[in-house]
Amino acid sequence: MSTGITAEALRARLEEKLAPTQLEVLDESAAHLGHAGQDGTGAGTHFRVRIASPFFTGRPKVAAHRLVYDALRDFLDGGLHALAIETL
């Protein structure tokens, strides 16, 4: 069963919550087929986010990552297994 999570849905949420000046969301799920957390569909479980946001200004990297996790909390609770974050 698919999580139904898409790169487009993550992008929309991050745009809404963090007003990024740069944003790239990549679905890397297919590269993790057979690994823990993969649902067998090749989509919707493993993502990479590259993001720059004015909300990160003056914050340590851990705090910036926390903002991303907080923005995507319901996706994480709904089956997103792995999230790689690169703050710019």
N, C-alpha and C. Protein backbone atom coordinates (compact mmCIF):
# COMPACT_ATOMS: atom_id res chain seq x y z
N MET A 1 0.84 -1.18 0.00
CA MET A 1 0.00 0.00 0.00
C MET A 1 0.89 1.25 0.00
N SER A 2 0.61 2.19 -0.85
CA SER A 2 1.39 3.42 -0.98
C SER A 2 1.05 4.42 0.13
N THR A 3 2.05 5.20 0.51
CA THR A 3 1.82 6.25 1.50
C THR A 3 0.99 7.39 0.92
N GLY A 4 1.04 7.54 -0.40
CA GLY A 4 0.36 8.66 -1.05
C GLY A 4 1.12 9.98 -0.93
N ILE A 5 2.29 9.93 -0.31
CA ILE A 5 3.10 11.14 -0.12
C ILE A 5 3.88 11.41 -1.40
N THR A 6 3.83 12.66 -1.85
CA THR A 6 4.53 13.04 -3.08
C THR A 6 5.48 14.21 -2.81
N ALA A 7 6.45 14.34 -3.70
CA ALA A 7 7.37 15.49 -3.63
C ALA A 7 6.58 16.79 -3.74
N GLU A 8 5.54 16.79 -4.56
CA GLU A 8 4.74 18.00 -4.75
C GLU A 8 4.01 18.40 -3.45
N ALA A 9 3.52 17.40 -2.72
CA ALA A 9 2.83 17.68 -1.46
C ALA A 9 3.81 18.24 -0.42
N LEU A 10 5.01 17.66 -0.37
CA LEU A 10 6.02 18.18 0.56
C LEU A 10 6.42 19.60 0.18
N ARG A 11 6.61 19.82 -1.11
CA ARG A 11 6.97 21.16 -1.60
C ARG A 11 5.91 22.19 -1.21
N ALA A 12 4.65 21.86 -1.42
CA ALA A 12 3.57 22.79 -1.10
C ALA A 12 3.55 23.12 0.39
N ARG A 13 3.75 22.12 1.23
CA ARG A 13 3.74 22.36 2.67
C ARG A 13 4.91 23.25 3.08
N LEU A 14 6.10 22.96 2.55
CA LEU A 14 7.28 23.76 2.90
C LEU A 14 7.14 25.19 2.41
N GLU A 15 6.55 25.37 1.23
CA GLU A 15 6.32 26.73 0.72
C GLU A 15 5.35 27.47 1.63
N GLU A 16 4.32 26.78 2.08
CA GLU A 16 3.31 27.39 2.96
C GLU A 16 3.90 27.77 4.32
N LYS A 17 4.68 26.88 4.92
CA LYS A 17 5.16 27.08 6.29
C LYS A 17 6.46 27.86 6.41
N LEU A 18 7.37 27.73 5.41
CA LEU A 18 8.71 28.29 5.57
C LEU A 18 9.09 29.34 4.52
N ALA A 19 8.22 29.65 3.59
CA ALA A 19 8.47 30.67 2.57
C ALA A 19 9.90 30.59 2.02
N PRO A 20 10.28 29.44 1.46
CA PRO A 20 11.67 29.28 1.04
C PRO A 20 12.06 30.19 -0.11
N THR A 21 13.33 30.58 -0.11
CA THR A 21 13.89 31.32 -1.22
C THR A 21 14.52 30.37 -2.23
N GLN A 22 14.84 29.17 -1.80
CA GLN A 22 15.29 28.08 -2.65
C GLN A 22 14.67 26.81 -2.11
N LEU A 23 14.22 25.93 -3.01
CA LEU A 23 13.62 24.68 -2.55
C LEU A 23 13.72 23.63 -3.64
N GLU A 24 14.22 22.47 -3.25
CA GLU A 24 14.25 21.30 -4.12
C GLU A 24 13.82 20.11 -3.26
N VAL A 25 12.84 19.35 -3.75
CA VAL A 25 12.36 18.17 -3.05
C VAL A 25 12.50 16.99 -4.00
N LEU A 26 13.26 15.99 -3.59
CA LEU A 26 13.52 14.82 -4.43
C LEU A 26 12.97 13.58 -3.76
N ASP A 27 12.21 12.78 -4.50
CA ASP A 27 11.73 11.49 -4.01
C ASP A 27 12.79 10.46 -4.36
N GLU A 28 13.50 9.97 -3.35
CA GLU A 28 14.57 9.00 -3.53
C GLU A 28 14.12 7.59 -3.14
N SER A 29 12.82 7.38 -3.03
CA SER A 29 12.27 6.12 -2.55
C SER A 29 12.68 4.93 -3.40
N ALA A 30 12.69 5.07 -4.70
CA ALA A 30 13.00 3.95 -5.59
C ALA A 30 14.40 3.39 -5.32
N ALA A 31 15.30 4.23 -4.87
CA ALA A 31 16.68 3.80 -4.58
C ALA A 31 16.74 2.98 -3.29
N HIS A 32 15.65 2.93 -2.54
CA HIS A 32 15.62 2.24 -1.25
C HIS A 32 14.71 1.02 -1.24
N LEU A 33 14.31 0.55 -2.42
CA LEU A 33 13.46 -0.64 -2.48
C LEU A 33 14.14 -1.80 -1.74
N GLY A 34 13.39 -2.45 -0.91
CA GLY A 34 13.93 -3.57 -0.13
C GLY A 34 14.54 -3.16 1.19
N HIS A 35 14.66 -1.87 1.44
CA HIS A 35 15.21 -1.38 2.71
C HIS A 35 14.08 -1.14 3.71
N ALA A 36 14.45 -1.00 4.96
CA ALA A 36 13.47 -0.71 6.01
C ALA A 36 12.70 0.56 5.68
N GLY A 37 11.42 0.53 5.93
CA GLY A 37 10.58 1.71 5.72
C GLY A 37 10.04 1.84 4.32
N GLN A 38 10.55 1.06 3.37
CA GLN A 38 10.07 1.12 2.00
C GLN A 38 8.79 0.32 1.90
N ASP A 39 7.78 0.88 1.23
CA ASP A 39 6.48 0.20 1.17
C ASP A 39 6.31 -0.67 -0.07
N GLY A 40 7.37 -0.81 -0.88
CA GLY A 40 7.30 -1.66 -2.06
C GLY A 40 6.81 -0.97 -3.31
N THR A 41 6.37 0.28 -3.22
CA THR A 41 5.86 0.98 -4.39
C THR A 41 6.94 1.78 -5.11
N GLY A 42 8.05 2.04 -4.44
CA GLY A 42 9.11 2.85 -5.04
C GLY A 42 8.85 4.34 -4.96
N ALA A 43 7.87 4.75 -4.17
CA ALA A 43 7.55 6.18 -4.05
C ALA A 43 7.01 6.48 -2.66
N GLY A 44 7.26 7.72 -2.22
CA GLY A 44 6.59 8.24 -1.05
C GLY A 44 7.14 7.90 0.32
N THR A 45 8.36 7.34 0.40
CA THR A 45 8.87 6.98 1.72
C THR A 45 10.21 7.61 2.07
N HIS A 46 11.02 7.93 1.08
CA HIS A 46 12.35 8.48 1.30
C HIS A 46 12.52 9.75 0.45
N PHE A 47 12.77 10.88 1.11
CA PHE A 47 12.88 12.15 0.40
C PHE A 47 14.14 12.90 0.82
N ARG A 48 14.61 13.75 -0.09
CA ARG A 48 15.71 14.69 0.18
C ARG A 48 15.16 16.08 -0.06
N VAL A 49 15.40 16.99 0.89
CA VAL A 49 14.96 18.38 0.78
C VAL A 49 16.19 19.28 0.86
N ARG A 50 16.32 20.14 -0.13
CA ARG A 50 17.34 21.20 -0.10
C ARG A 50 16.56 22.51 -0.01
N ILE A 51 16.82 23.28 1.05
CA ILE A 51 15.96 24.43 1.32
C ILE A 51 16.74 25.58 1.94
N ALA A 52 16.40 26.78 1.50
CA ALA A 52 16.86 28.02 2.13
C ALA A 52 15.60 28.80 2.51
N SER A 53 15.61 29.36 3.70
CA SER A 53 14.43 30.09 4.19
C SER A 53 14.87 31.23 5.10
N PRO A 54 14.16 32.35 5.03
CA PRO A 54 14.46 33.43 5.97
C PRO A 54 14.24 33.01 7.43
N PHE A 55 13.45 31.98 7.66
CA PHE A 55 13.23 31.49 9.02
C PHE A 55 14.48 30.85 9.62
N PHE A 56 15.46 30.52 8.78
CA PHE A 56 16.69 29.90 9.26
C PHE A 56 17.73 30.92 9.72
N THR A 57 17.54 32.17 9.36
CA THR A 57 18.51 33.22 9.66
C THR A 57 18.77 33.30 11.17
N GLY A 58 20.05 33.20 11.52
CA GLY A 58 20.45 33.32 12.92
C GLY A 58 20.22 32.07 13.75
N ARG A 59 19.74 31.01 13.13
CA ARG A 59 19.48 29.77 13.87
C ARG A 59 20.57 28.75 13.57
N PRO A 60 20.94 27.94 14.55
CA PRO A 60 21.87 26.85 14.27
C PRO A 60 21.22 25.83 13.32
N LYS A 61 22.04 25.03 12.67
CA LYS A 61 21.55 24.04 11.71
C LYS A 61 20.51 23.11 12.33
N VAL A 62 20.73 22.69 13.56
CA VAL A 62 19.77 21.79 14.22
C VAL A 62 18.40 22.46 14.34
N ALA A 63 18.37 23.74 14.66
CA ALA A 63 17.10 24.46 14.79
C ALA A 63 16.42 24.61 13.43
N ALA A 64 17.20 24.85 12.38
CA ALA A 64 16.64 24.95 11.03
C ALA A 64 16.04 23.60 10.61
N HIS A 65 16.75 22.52 10.90
CA HIS A 65 16.23 21.18 10.58
C HIS A 65 14.94 20.92 11.35
N ARG A 66 14.88 21.34 12.59
CA ARG A 66 13.68 21.15 13.40
C ARG A 66 12.48 21.85 12.77
N LEU A 67 12.69 23.04 12.22
CA LEU A 67 11.60 23.76 11.55
C LEU A 67 11.06 22.95 10.37
N VAL A 68 11.96 22.32 9.62
CA VAL A 68 11.54 21.49 8.49
C VAL A 68 10.76 20.28 9.01
N TYR A 69 11.31 19.59 10.01
CA TYR A 69 10.60 18.45 10.59
C TYR A 69 9.22 18.86 11.11
N ASP A 70 9.15 19.98 11.79
CA ASP A 70 7.86 20.44 12.33
C ASP A 70 6.86 20.73 11.21
N ALA A 71 7.33 21.32 10.11
CA ALA A 71 6.45 21.63 8.98
C ALA A 71 5.91 20.36 8.33
N LEU A 72 6.70 19.28 8.39
CA LEU A 72 6.33 18.04 7.71
C LEU A 72 5.86 16.94 8.67
N ARG A 73 5.56 17.30 9.92
CA ARG A 73 5.23 16.33 10.95
C ARG A 73 4.13 15.34 10.54
N ASP A 74 3.04 15.81 9.95
CA ASP A 74 1.97 14.88 9.60
C ASP A 74 2.38 13.91 8.50
N PHE A 75 3.31 14.32 7.62
CA PHE A 75 3.82 13.40 6.61
C PHE A 75 4.69 12.33 7.28
N LEU A 76 5.51 12.74 8.22
CA LEU A 76 6.35 11.79 8.96
C LEU A 76 5.48 10.80 9.72
N ASP A 77 4.43 11.28 10.32
CA ASP A 77 3.51 10.42 11.05
C ASP A 77 2.71 9.51 10.11
N GLY A 78 2.62 9.92 8.83
CA GLY A 78 1.80 9.18 7.86
C GLY A 78 2.55 8.25 6.94
N GLY A 79 3.83 7.99 7.22
CA GLY A 79 4.54 7.00 6.42
C GLY A 79 5.83 7.45 5.78
N LEU A 80 6.13 8.74 5.84
CA LEU A 80 7.42 9.20 5.34
C LEU A 80 8.48 8.64 6.29
N HIS A 81 9.31 7.75 5.78
CA HIS A 81 10.24 7.00 6.63
C HIS A 81 11.57 7.72 6.81
N ALA A 82 12.08 8.34 5.75
CA ALA A 82 13.40 8.97 5.82
C ALA A 82 13.35 10.34 5.14
N LEU A 83 13.96 11.31 5.81
CA LEU A 83 14.01 12.67 5.29
C LEU A 83 15.42 13.20 5.45
N ALA A 84 16.09 13.40 4.33
CA ALA A 84 17.43 14.00 4.35
C ALA A 84 17.24 15.50 4.11
N ILE A 85 17.79 16.32 4.99
CA ILE A 85 17.61 17.77 4.91
C ILE A 85 18.96 18.43 4.69
N GLU A 86 19.00 19.27 3.66
CA GLU A 86 20.16 20.11 3.42
C GLU A 86 19.67 21.56 3.48
N THR A 87 20.08 22.28 4.54
CA THR A 87 19.70 23.69 4.64
C THR A 87 20.77 24.52 3.96
N LEU A 88 20.32 25.51 3.21
CA LEU A 88 21.24 26.35 2.43
C LEU A 88 21.27 27.75 2.99
